[in-house]
Amino acid sequence: MSEALVAKRYAEALFELGQEKLILDKLVKEFSVVRDVFQTNQELTTFLAHPAIPGEKKKQLIAEVFQGSQAEVINTLKLLVDRRRVDVIPFVIDDLIQLVNDAKGIAEATVYSVRELSADEKLKVKESFVKRLNKEEIRITNVVDPSLLGGVKIRVGNTIYDGSISNKLKRIERNIVTANI
C-alpha cells in the first residue's frame, strides 16, 4: 500500500476520533508541534526507524519527548512505531490538518512576492481569495522570491495563481516565438 494512502487512512481515523471527542483543535495544535519536532530532529526519525532498537525503547522515548500531549497523539505515534510506519508520521499530520481545515472552510495559501507584504496587502489578498475560493478563512504564509520581478504568485493546495511579472514576460515570449513560426 502506498505511503500516501496509509497516511490518509490514519489521518481520517484521527479526524473521526477528534470529532467524536471534540478535540480536533487540540489534536491539530499538538500534531503541529510533533511535525516540527520530526522536521527539525532527523535523529529522532532515525532512532524510531532503526530495526535493532527494541520497540519498547522507542515507545518510551515517544512518551518522554511528547509528555503532556493528548493521549491520542502519543498512542498514534506509538502505534505507527509498532507498525514500522515512522516514515509516514509527517504525512499523517499534514493530511489531518488538511481534513480539519476543509471541515472548517479554511485554506492555506503561500504567497510569493518580491518583498515582504504589508499587513494591508495580506488582508487584501485574503479578502480576494476568501471570495474566489468560497472559504471562511485563508491563512497566508508570505515567501519572498526576488525572481518574480514584481506582482505575486499564490499557491493554494495544488493550484497556482500566477500574477507575477516574470510569468507575464514568459507568456509574451511564448507568444512572440509561436507568432514567428
N, C-alpha and C. Protein backbone atom coordinates (compact mmCIF):
# COMPACT_ATOMS: atom_id res chain seq x y z
N MET A 1 0.85 -1.17 0.00
CA MET A 1 0.00 0.00 0.00
C MET A 1 0.90 1.24 0.00
N SER A 2 0.54 2.24 -0.78
CA SER A 2 1.38 3.43 -0.89
C SER A 2 1.37 4.22 0.42
N GLU A 3 2.44 4.96 0.65
CA GLU A 3 2.56 5.75 1.87
C GLU A 3 1.47 6.81 1.96
N ALA A 4 1.12 7.40 0.81
CA ALA A 4 0.09 8.44 0.81
C ALA A 4 -1.25 7.87 1.25
N LEU A 5 -1.57 6.68 0.79
CA LEU A 5 -2.84 6.05 1.15
C LEU A 5 -2.84 5.66 2.63
N VAL A 6 -1.73 5.14 3.10
CA VAL A 6 -1.60 4.77 4.51
C VAL A 6 -1.77 6.01 5.38
N ALA A 7 -1.09 7.08 5.03
CA ALA A 7 -1.16 8.33 5.81
C ALA A 7 -2.59 8.87 5.82
N LYS A 8 -3.25 8.81 4.68
CA LYS A 8 -4.62 9.30 4.58
C LYS A 8 -5.56 8.51 5.49
N ARG A 9 -5.38 7.21 5.56
CA ARG A 9 -6.25 6.37 6.41
C ARG A 9 -6.06 6.69 7.89
N TYR A 10 -4.81 6.84 8.31
CA TYR A 10 -4.56 7.21 9.70
C TYR A 10 -5.13 8.59 10.00
N ALA A 11 -4.95 9.52 9.08
CA ALA A 11 -5.46 10.88 9.27
C ALA A 11 -6.99 10.88 9.38
N GLU A 12 -7.64 10.10 8.54
CA GLU A 12 -9.11 10.03 8.60
C GLU A 12 -9.58 9.45 9.93
N ALA A 13 -8.87 8.43 10.41
CA ALA A 13 -9.22 7.83 11.71
C ALA A 13 -9.04 8.85 12.83
N LEU A 14 -7.94 9.59 12.79
CA LEU A 14 -7.69 10.62 13.80
C LEU A 14 -8.74 11.73 13.73
N PHE A 15 -9.12 12.10 12.51
CA PHE A 15 -10.13 13.13 12.32
C PHE A 15 -11.46 12.70 12.94
N GLU A 16 -11.86 11.47 12.67
CA GLU A 16 -13.11 10.95 13.24
C GLU A 16 -13.05 10.90 14.76
N LEU A 17 -11.90 10.46 15.28
CA LEU A 17 -11.72 10.39 16.73
C LEU A 17 -11.79 11.79 17.34
N GLY A 18 -11.13 12.74 16.70
CA GLY A 18 -11.15 14.12 17.18
C GLY A 18 -12.54 14.73 17.17
N GLN A 19 -13.31 14.43 16.13
CA GLN A 19 -14.69 14.91 16.06
C GLN A 19 -15.53 14.29 17.17
N GLU A 20 -15.35 12.99 17.34
CA GLU A 20 -16.12 12.26 18.34
C GLU A 20 -15.86 12.81 19.75
N LYS A 21 -14.59 13.08 20.05
CA LYS A 21 -14.21 13.54 21.39
C LYS A 21 -14.17 15.06 21.50
N LEU A 22 -14.48 15.77 20.40
CA LEU A 22 -14.47 17.24 20.36
C LEU A 22 -13.10 17.82 20.71
N ILE A 23 -12.05 17.22 20.17
CA ILE A 23 -10.69 17.69 20.46
C ILE A 23 -9.89 17.96 19.18
N LEU A 24 -10.58 18.23 18.08
CA LEU A 24 -9.87 18.43 16.81
C LEU A 24 -8.84 19.55 16.90
N ASP A 25 -9.21 20.68 17.49
CA ASP A 25 -8.27 21.81 17.57
C ASP A 25 -7.03 21.45 18.39
N LYS A 26 -7.24 20.73 19.49
CA LYS A 26 -6.09 20.30 20.32
C LYS A 26 -5.20 19.34 19.54
N LEU A 27 -5.82 18.42 18.81
CA LEU A 27 -5.03 17.47 18.02
C LEU A 27 -4.20 18.19 16.97
N VAL A 28 -4.80 19.13 16.29
CA VAL A 28 -4.07 19.88 15.24
C VAL A 28 -2.91 20.64 15.87
N LYS A 29 -3.17 21.29 16.97
CA LYS A 29 -2.12 22.07 17.65
C LYS A 29 -0.96 21.17 18.08
N GLU A 30 -1.28 20.06 18.72
CA GLU A 30 -0.23 19.18 19.23
C GLU A 30 0.48 18.43 18.11
N PHE A 31 -0.27 18.00 17.10
CA PHE A 31 0.38 17.32 15.98
C PHE A 31 1.25 18.29 15.17
N SER A 32 0.92 19.57 15.17
CA SER A 32 1.78 20.55 14.50
C SER A 32 3.13 20.63 15.21
N VAL A 33 3.11 20.56 16.52
CA VAL A 33 4.35 20.56 17.30
C VAL A 33 5.13 19.28 16.99
N VAL A 34 4.43 18.15 16.92
CA VAL A 34 5.08 16.86 16.62
C VAL A 34 5.75 16.95 15.25
N ARG A 35 5.04 17.50 14.26
CA ARG A 35 5.59 17.63 12.91
C ARG A 35 6.87 18.48 12.93
N ASP A 36 6.84 19.58 13.69
CA ASP A 36 8.02 20.44 13.79
C ASP A 36 9.19 19.69 14.41
N VAL A 37 8.90 18.89 15.43
CA VAL A 37 9.96 18.10 16.08
C VAL A 37 10.56 17.12 15.08
N PHE A 38 9.72 16.43 14.33
CA PHE A 38 10.23 15.45 13.36
C PHE A 38 10.99 16.13 12.22
N GLN A 39 10.58 17.33 11.83
CA GLN A 39 11.26 18.03 10.74
C GLN A 39 12.61 18.59 11.18
N THR A 40 12.72 19.01 12.43
CA THR A 40 13.96 19.62 12.89
C THR A 40 14.92 18.63 13.53
N ASN A 41 14.45 17.43 13.84
CA ASN A 41 15.29 16.47 14.55
C ASN A 41 15.33 15.14 13.78
N GLN A 42 16.21 15.06 12.82
CA GLN A 42 16.33 13.85 11.99
C GLN A 42 16.79 12.65 12.82
N GLU A 43 17.51 12.89 13.91
CA GLU A 43 17.98 11.79 14.75
C GLU A 43 16.80 11.03 15.36
N LEU A 44 15.72 11.74 15.67
CA LEU A 44 14.54 11.10 16.24
C LEU A 44 13.95 10.11 15.25
N THR A 45 13.80 10.54 14.01
CA THR A 45 13.27 9.66 12.97
C THR A 45 14.18 8.46 12.76
N THR A 46 15.48 8.71 12.72
CA THR A 46 16.44 7.63 12.53
C THR A 46 16.35 6.63 13.68
N PHE A 47 16.28 7.12 14.91
CA PHE A 47 16.18 6.25 16.09
C PHE A 47 14.91 5.41 16.03
N LEU A 48 13.77 6.05 15.73
CA LEU A 48 12.50 5.34 15.73
C LEU A 48 12.38 4.33 14.60
N ALA A 49 13.11 4.56 13.51
CA ALA A 49 13.04 3.65 12.36
C ALA A 49 14.09 2.55 12.43
N HIS A 50 15.05 2.66 13.34
CA HIS A 50 16.14 1.69 13.41
C HIS A 50 15.63 0.31 13.82
N PRO A 51 15.92 -0.71 13.02
CA PRO A 51 15.39 -2.05 13.29
C PRO A 51 16.01 -2.76 14.50
N ALA A 52 17.21 -2.35 14.90
CA ALA A 52 17.89 -3.04 16.00
C ALA A 52 17.45 -2.54 17.38
N ILE A 53 16.76 -1.42 17.42
CA ILE A 53 16.32 -0.86 18.70
C ILE A 53 14.95 -1.45 19.04
N PRO A 54 14.79 -1.99 20.23
CA PRO A 54 13.51 -2.61 20.62
C PRO A 54 12.36 -1.59 20.61
N GLY A 55 11.19 -2.07 20.26
CA GLY A 55 10.01 -1.22 20.19
C GLY A 55 9.67 -0.54 21.51
N GLU A 56 9.93 -1.23 22.61
CA GLU A 56 9.62 -0.65 23.92
C GLU A 56 10.46 0.59 24.20
N LYS A 57 11.74 0.55 23.80
CA LYS A 57 12.59 1.73 23.99
C LYS A 57 12.10 2.90 23.14
N LYS A 58 11.66 2.58 21.94
CA LYS A 58 11.14 3.63 21.04
C LYS A 58 9.88 4.26 21.63
N LYS A 59 8.99 3.42 22.13
CA LYS A 59 7.75 3.93 22.70
C LYS A 59 8.01 4.71 23.99
N GLN A 60 9.02 4.29 24.74
CA GLN A 60 9.38 5.01 25.96
C GLN A 60 9.90 6.40 25.60
N LEU A 61 10.70 6.49 24.54
CA LEU A 61 11.22 7.78 24.10
C LEU A 61 10.07 8.69 23.66
N ILE A 62 9.12 8.15 22.93
CA ILE A 62 7.97 8.94 22.48
C ILE A 62 7.21 9.49 23.68
N ALA A 63 6.99 8.64 24.68
CA ALA A 63 6.26 9.06 25.88
C ALA A 63 7.01 10.18 26.60
N GLU A 64 8.35 10.11 26.62
CA GLU A 64 9.15 11.12 27.30
C GLU A 64 9.20 12.42 26.50
N VAL A 65 9.42 12.31 25.19
CA VAL A 65 9.56 13.50 24.35
C VAL A 65 8.26 14.28 24.27
N PHE A 66 7.15 13.57 24.16
CA PHE A 66 5.86 14.23 23.97
C PHE A 66 4.99 14.18 25.23
N GLN A 67 5.66 14.14 26.37
CA GLN A 67 4.97 14.13 27.66
C GLN A 67 4.09 15.36 27.77
N GLY A 68 2.88 15.19 28.24
CA GLY A 68 1.95 16.31 28.37
C GLY A 68 1.04 16.46 27.16
N SER A 69 1.30 15.71 26.11
CA SER A 69 0.44 15.75 24.93
C SER A 69 -0.81 14.90 25.16
N GLN A 70 -1.80 15.11 24.31
CA GLN A 70 -3.02 14.30 24.36
C GLN A 70 -2.65 12.82 24.25
N ALA A 71 -3.39 11.98 24.93
CA ALA A 71 -3.15 10.54 24.87
C ALA A 71 -3.28 10.04 23.43
N GLU A 72 -4.19 10.64 22.66
CA GLU A 72 -4.40 10.23 21.27
C GLU A 72 -3.15 10.48 20.42
N VAL A 73 -2.44 11.56 20.71
CA VAL A 73 -1.23 11.89 19.97
C VAL A 73 -0.15 10.85 20.28
N ILE A 74 0.08 10.60 21.54
CA ILE A 74 1.11 9.65 21.95
C ILE A 74 0.77 8.24 21.47
N ASN A 75 -0.49 7.85 21.63
CA ASN A 75 -0.89 6.50 21.20
C ASN A 75 -0.76 6.32 19.70
N THR A 76 -1.07 7.35 18.94
CA THR A 76 -0.92 7.27 17.48
C THR A 76 0.55 7.09 17.12
N LEU A 77 1.41 7.86 17.74
CA LEU A 77 2.85 7.74 17.46
C LEU A 77 3.36 6.35 17.83
N LYS A 78 2.93 5.85 18.97
CA LYS A 78 3.34 4.50 19.39
C LYS A 78 2.82 3.44 18.41
N LEU A 79 1.61 3.60 17.96
CA LEU A 79 1.02 2.66 17.00
C LEU A 79 1.82 2.66 15.70
N LEU A 80 2.19 3.85 15.23
CA LEU A 80 2.96 3.95 13.99
C LEU A 80 4.36 3.35 14.16
N VAL A 81 4.92 3.47 15.36
CA VAL A 81 6.22 2.83 15.63
C VAL A 81 6.06 1.32 15.62
N ASP A 82 5.01 0.81 16.28
CA ASP A 82 4.76 -0.64 16.31
C ASP A 82 4.58 -1.21 14.90
N ARG A 83 3.95 -0.46 14.06
CA ARG A 83 3.67 -0.94 12.71
C ARG A 83 4.75 -0.55 11.70
N ARG A 84 5.85 -0.05 12.21
CA ARG A 84 7.00 0.34 11.40
C ARG A 84 6.61 1.33 10.30
N ARG A 85 5.86 2.34 10.69
CA ARG A 85 5.38 3.37 9.77
C ARG A 85 5.83 4.76 10.21
N VAL A 86 6.99 4.85 10.82
CA VAL A 86 7.51 6.14 11.29
C VAL A 86 7.65 7.12 10.13
N ASP A 87 7.97 6.61 8.96
CA ASP A 87 8.19 7.47 7.80
C ASP A 87 6.94 8.22 7.37
N VAL A 88 5.75 7.76 7.74
CA VAL A 88 4.52 8.43 7.30
C VAL A 88 3.99 9.44 8.32
N ILE A 89 4.64 9.57 9.46
CA ILE A 89 4.14 10.47 10.51
C ILE A 89 3.91 11.90 9.99
N PRO A 90 4.89 12.54 9.31
CA PRO A 90 4.63 13.90 8.82
C PRO A 90 3.46 13.96 7.83
N PHE A 91 3.29 12.92 7.01
CA PHE A 91 2.21 12.89 6.03
C PHE A 91 0.85 12.72 6.71
N VAL A 92 0.81 11.91 7.77
CA VAL A 92 -0.43 11.75 8.53
C VAL A 92 -0.84 13.09 9.12
N ILE A 93 0.12 13.80 9.67
CA ILE A 93 -0.17 15.10 10.28
C ILE A 93 -0.65 16.09 9.23
N ASP A 94 0.02 16.15 8.09
CA ASP A 94 -0.40 17.06 7.02
C ASP A 94 -1.82 16.73 6.56
N ASP A 95 -2.11 15.45 6.39
CA ASP A 95 -3.45 15.04 5.95
C ASP A 95 -4.51 15.37 7.00
N LEU A 96 -4.17 15.19 8.27
CA LEU A 96 -5.11 15.52 9.35
C LEU A 96 -5.41 17.02 9.34
N ILE A 97 -4.38 17.83 9.25
CA ILE A 97 -4.57 19.28 9.23
C ILE A 97 -5.42 19.69 8.03
N GLN A 98 -5.18 19.06 6.88
CA GLN A 98 -5.97 19.36 5.69
C GLN A 98 -7.44 18.99 5.89
N LEU A 99 -7.70 17.84 6.50
CA LEU A 99 -9.07 17.43 6.77
C LEU A 99 -9.78 18.41 7.70
N VAL A 100 -9.09 18.83 8.74
CA VAL A 100 -9.67 19.77 9.70
C VAL A 100 -9.93 21.12 9.02
N ASN A 101 -8.96 21.58 8.24
CA ASN A 101 -9.13 22.85 7.53
C ASN A 101 -10.30 22.78 6.55
N ASP A 102 -10.43 21.68 5.83
CA ASP A 102 -11.54 21.51 4.89
C ASP A 102 -12.88 21.56 5.62
N ALA A 103 -12.94 20.89 6.77
CA ALA A 103 -14.18 20.86 7.54
C ALA A 103 -14.55 22.25 8.07
N LYS A 104 -13.55 23.06 8.35
CA LYS A 104 -13.80 24.40 8.89
C LYS A 104 -13.88 25.48 7.80
N GLY A 105 -13.63 25.11 6.56
CA GLY A 105 -13.66 26.09 5.48
C GLY A 105 -12.43 26.98 5.47
N ILE A 106 -11.29 26.41 5.84
CA ILE A 106 -10.04 27.16 5.89
C ILE A 106 -9.12 26.66 4.78
N ALA A 107 -8.45 27.60 4.12
CA ALA A 107 -7.47 27.23 3.11
C ALA A 107 -6.11 27.81 3.50
N GLU A 108 -5.07 27.05 3.24
CA GLU A 108 -3.70 27.52 3.49
C GLU A 108 -3.16 28.02 2.16
N ALA A 109 -2.62 29.22 2.15
CA ALA A 109 -2.09 29.80 0.92
C ALA A 109 -0.66 30.27 1.15
N THR A 110 0.19 30.01 0.17
CA THR A 110 1.55 30.53 0.19
C THR A 110 1.60 31.64 -0.86
N VAL A 111 1.95 32.83 -0.42
CA VAL A 111 2.02 33.98 -1.32
C VAL A 111 3.49 34.30 -1.54
N TYR A 112 3.92 34.19 -2.80
CA TYR A 112 5.29 34.52 -3.18
C TYR A 112 5.30 35.95 -3.70
N SER A 113 6.20 36.77 -3.17
CA SER A 113 6.29 38.16 -3.60
C SER A 113 7.75 38.60 -3.59
N VAL A 114 8.02 39.71 -4.24
CA VAL A 114 9.39 40.22 -4.34
C VAL A 114 9.88 40.72 -2.99
N ARG A 115 8.95 41.22 -2.19
CA ARG A 115 9.29 41.72 -0.85
C ARG A 115 8.22 41.25 0.13
N GLU A 116 8.49 41.40 1.39
CA GLU A 116 7.52 41.04 2.42
C GLU A 116 6.27 41.90 2.25
N LEU A 117 5.11 41.27 2.23
CA LEU A 117 3.86 42.01 2.08
C LEU A 117 3.50 42.72 3.38
N SER A 118 2.91 43.90 3.25
CA SER A 118 2.44 44.63 4.43
C SER A 118 1.16 43.96 4.94
N ALA A 119 0.77 44.33 6.13
CA ALA A 119 -0.45 43.76 6.72
C ALA A 119 -1.67 44.10 5.85
N ASP A 120 -1.70 45.29 5.29
CA ASP A 120 -2.81 45.71 4.43
C ASP A 120 -2.85 44.89 3.15
N GLU A 121 -1.69 44.64 2.56
CA GLU A 121 -1.63 43.83 1.33
C GLU A 121 -2.06 42.39 1.60
N LYS A 122 -1.63 41.84 2.72
CA LYS A 122 -2.05 40.48 3.09
C LYS A 122 -3.56 40.42 3.27
N LEU A 123 -4.13 41.44 3.90
CA LEU A 123 -5.56 41.50 4.11
C LEU A 123 -6.32 41.53 2.78
N LYS A 124 -5.81 42.30 1.82
CA LYS A 124 -6.46 42.39 0.51
C LYS A 124 -6.39 41.05 -0.23
N VAL A 125 -5.26 40.37 -0.13
CA VAL A 125 -5.13 39.05 -0.75
C VAL A 125 -6.11 38.08 -0.10
N LYS A 126 -6.18 38.11 1.24
CA LYS A 126 -7.11 37.24 1.97
C LYS A 126 -8.54 37.48 1.52
N GLU A 127 -8.96 38.75 1.51
CA GLU A 127 -10.33 39.08 1.14
C GLU A 127 -10.66 38.61 -0.27
N SER A 128 -9.73 38.80 -1.18
CA SER A 128 -9.94 38.41 -2.56
C SER A 128 -10.10 36.89 -2.70
N PHE A 129 -9.23 36.15 -2.03
CA PHE A 129 -9.25 34.70 -2.18
C PHE A 129 -10.32 34.01 -1.33
N VAL A 130 -10.77 34.63 -0.26
CA VAL A 130 -11.88 34.08 0.50
C VAL A 130 -13.10 34.00 -0.41
N LYS A 131 -13.33 35.07 -1.16
CA LYS A 131 -14.47 35.10 -2.09
C LYS A 131 -14.26 34.13 -3.24
N ARG A 132 -13.07 34.17 -3.83
CA ARG A 132 -12.78 33.35 -5.01
C ARG A 132 -12.87 31.86 -4.72
N LEU A 133 -12.37 31.45 -3.54
CA LEU A 133 -12.33 30.03 -3.19
C LEU A 133 -13.54 29.58 -2.38
N ASN A 134 -14.39 30.55 -2.03
CA ASN A 134 -15.58 30.26 -1.25
C ASN A 134 -15.21 29.58 0.08
N LYS A 135 -14.28 30.18 0.79
CA LYS A 135 -13.81 29.66 2.07
C LYS A 135 -14.17 30.64 3.18
N GLU A 136 -14.14 30.17 4.40
CA GLU A 136 -14.39 31.01 5.56
C GLU A 136 -13.15 31.86 5.89
N GLU A 137 -11.98 31.27 5.69
CA GLU A 137 -10.74 31.93 6.07
C GLU A 137 -9.60 31.44 5.19
N ILE A 138 -8.65 32.31 4.94
CA ILE A 138 -7.43 31.96 4.22
C ILE A 138 -6.26 32.28 5.16
N ARG A 139 -5.41 31.30 5.39
CA ARG A 139 -4.21 31.53 6.20
C ARG A 139 -3.04 31.70 5.24
N ILE A 140 -2.38 32.84 5.35
CA ILE A 140 -1.34 33.19 4.39
C ILE A 140 0.04 33.04 5.00
N THR A 141 0.92 32.43 4.21
CA THR A 141 2.34 32.40 4.52
C THR A 141 3.03 33.15 3.39
N ASN A 142 3.77 34.20 3.73
CA ASN A 142 4.43 35.02 2.72
C ASN A 142 5.87 34.56 2.54
N VAL A 143 6.25 34.27 1.28
CA VAL A 143 7.61 33.85 0.95
C VAL A 143 8.18 34.89 -0.02
N VAL A 144 9.34 35.42 0.31
CA VAL A 144 9.98 36.40 -0.55
C VAL A 144 10.75 35.68 -1.65
N ASP A 145 10.46 36.05 -2.91
CA ASP A 145 11.08 35.43 -4.09
C ASP A 145 11.43 36.52 -5.09
N PRO A 146 12.68 37.02 -5.06
CA PRO A 146 13.09 38.12 -5.95
C PRO A 146 13.02 37.76 -7.44
N SER A 147 12.99 36.49 -7.78
CA SER A 147 12.96 36.10 -9.19
C SER A 147 11.63 36.45 -9.86
N LEU A 148 10.62 36.82 -9.09
CA LEU A 148 9.32 37.17 -9.66
C LEU A 148 9.34 38.53 -10.37
N LEU A 149 10.29 39.37 -10.05
CA LEU A 149 10.45 40.73 -10.59
C LEU A 149 9.38 41.69 -10.09
N GLY A 150 8.18 41.24 -9.86
CA GLY A 150 7.07 42.07 -9.39
C GLY A 150 5.81 41.23 -9.36
N GLY A 151 4.75 41.77 -8.78
CA GLY A 151 3.50 41.02 -8.69
C GLY A 151 3.59 39.94 -7.63
N VAL A 152 2.61 39.03 -7.65
CA VAL A 152 2.59 37.93 -6.69
C VAL A 152 2.21 36.63 -7.37
N LYS A 153 2.62 35.56 -6.74
CA LYS A 153 2.22 34.21 -7.15
C LYS A 153 1.65 33.56 -5.90
N ILE A 154 0.46 32.97 -6.02
CA ILE A 154 -0.23 32.41 -4.85
C ILE A 154 -0.49 30.94 -5.10
N ARG A 155 -0.13 30.14 -4.12
CA ARG A 155 -0.36 28.69 -4.21
C ARG A 155 -1.34 28.29 -3.11
N VAL A 156 -2.46 27.70 -3.53
CA VAL A 156 -3.45 27.18 -2.61
C VAL A 156 -3.65 25.71 -2.98
N GLY A 157 -3.17 24.82 -2.12
CA GLY A 157 -3.22 23.40 -2.45
C GLY A 157 -2.37 23.12 -3.67
N ASN A 158 -2.96 22.52 -4.70
CA ASN A 158 -2.24 22.22 -5.93
C ASN A 158 -2.46 23.25 -7.01
N THR A 159 -3.15 24.34 -6.69
CA THR A 159 -3.46 25.37 -7.67
C THR A 159 -2.56 26.58 -7.47
N ILE A 160 -2.02 27.08 -8.58
CA ILE A 160 -1.16 28.26 -8.53
C ILE A 160 -1.81 29.38 -9.33
N TYR A 161 -1.94 30.53 -8.68
CA TYR A 161 -2.43 31.74 -9.33
C TYR A 161 -1.21 32.63 -9.53
N ASP A 162 -0.79 32.79 -10.77
CA ASP A 162 0.47 33.49 -11.04
C ASP A 162 0.22 34.84 -11.70
N GLY A 163 0.38 35.89 -10.93
CA GLY A 163 0.24 37.25 -11.43
C GLY A 163 1.58 37.97 -11.37
N SER A 164 2.67 37.21 -11.51
CA SER A 164 4.00 37.81 -11.40
C SER A 164 4.44 38.38 -12.75
N ILE A 165 5.31 39.35 -12.68
CA ILE A 165 5.86 39.97 -13.88
C ILE A 165 6.66 38.95 -14.68
N SER A 166 7.43 38.10 -13.99
CA SER A 166 8.24 37.11 -14.70
C SER A 166 7.35 36.15 -15.50
N ASN A 167 6.19 35.78 -14.97
CA ASN A 167 5.27 34.90 -15.69
C ASN A 167 4.68 35.62 -16.90
N LYS A 168 4.34 36.89 -16.75
CA LYS A 168 3.80 37.67 -17.87
C LYS A 168 4.83 37.81 -18.98
N LEU A 169 6.09 38.01 -18.61
CA LEU A 169 7.15 38.10 -19.61
C LEU A 169 7.34 36.77 -20.34
N LYS A 170 7.23 35.68 -19.63
CA LYS A 170 7.34 34.35 -20.26
C LYS A 170 6.21 34.13 -21.25
N ARG A 171 5.00 34.55 -20.88
CA ARG A 171 3.86 34.42 -21.80
C ARG A 171 4.06 35.25 -23.06
N ILE A 172 4.57 36.47 -22.89
CA ILE A 172 4.83 37.33 -24.05
C ILE A 172 5.88 36.68 -24.94
N GLU A 173 6.92 36.14 -24.32
CA GLU A 173 7.97 35.47 -25.08
C GLU A 173 7.41 34.29 -25.87
N ARG A 174 6.56 33.46 -25.23
CA ARG A 174 5.95 32.33 -25.94
C ARG A 174 5.10 32.79 -27.11
N ASN A 175 4.35 33.88 -26.89
CA ASN A 175 3.50 34.41 -27.97
C ASN A 175 4.35 34.89 -29.15
N ILE A 176 5.47 35.53 -28.88
CA ILE A 176 6.36 36.02 -29.95
C ILE A 176 6.97 34.83 -30.68
N VAL A 177 7.42 33.84 -29.96
CA VAL A 177 8.04 32.67 -30.55
C VAL A 177 7.04 31.92 -31.44
N THR A 178 5.82 31.71 -30.95
CA THR A 178 4.82 30.99 -31.75
C THR A 178 4.35 31.81 -32.94
N ALA A 179 4.38 33.13 -32.83
CA ALA A 179 3.98 34.00 -33.95
C ALA A 179 5.02 33.96 -35.07
N ASN A 180 6.27 33.74 -34.73
CA ASN A 180 7.37 33.73 -35.71
C ASN A 180 7.53 32.38 -36.38
N ILE A 181 6.79 31.38 -35.93
CA ILE A 181 6.95 30.05 -36.51
C ILE A 181 6.14 29.87 -37.75
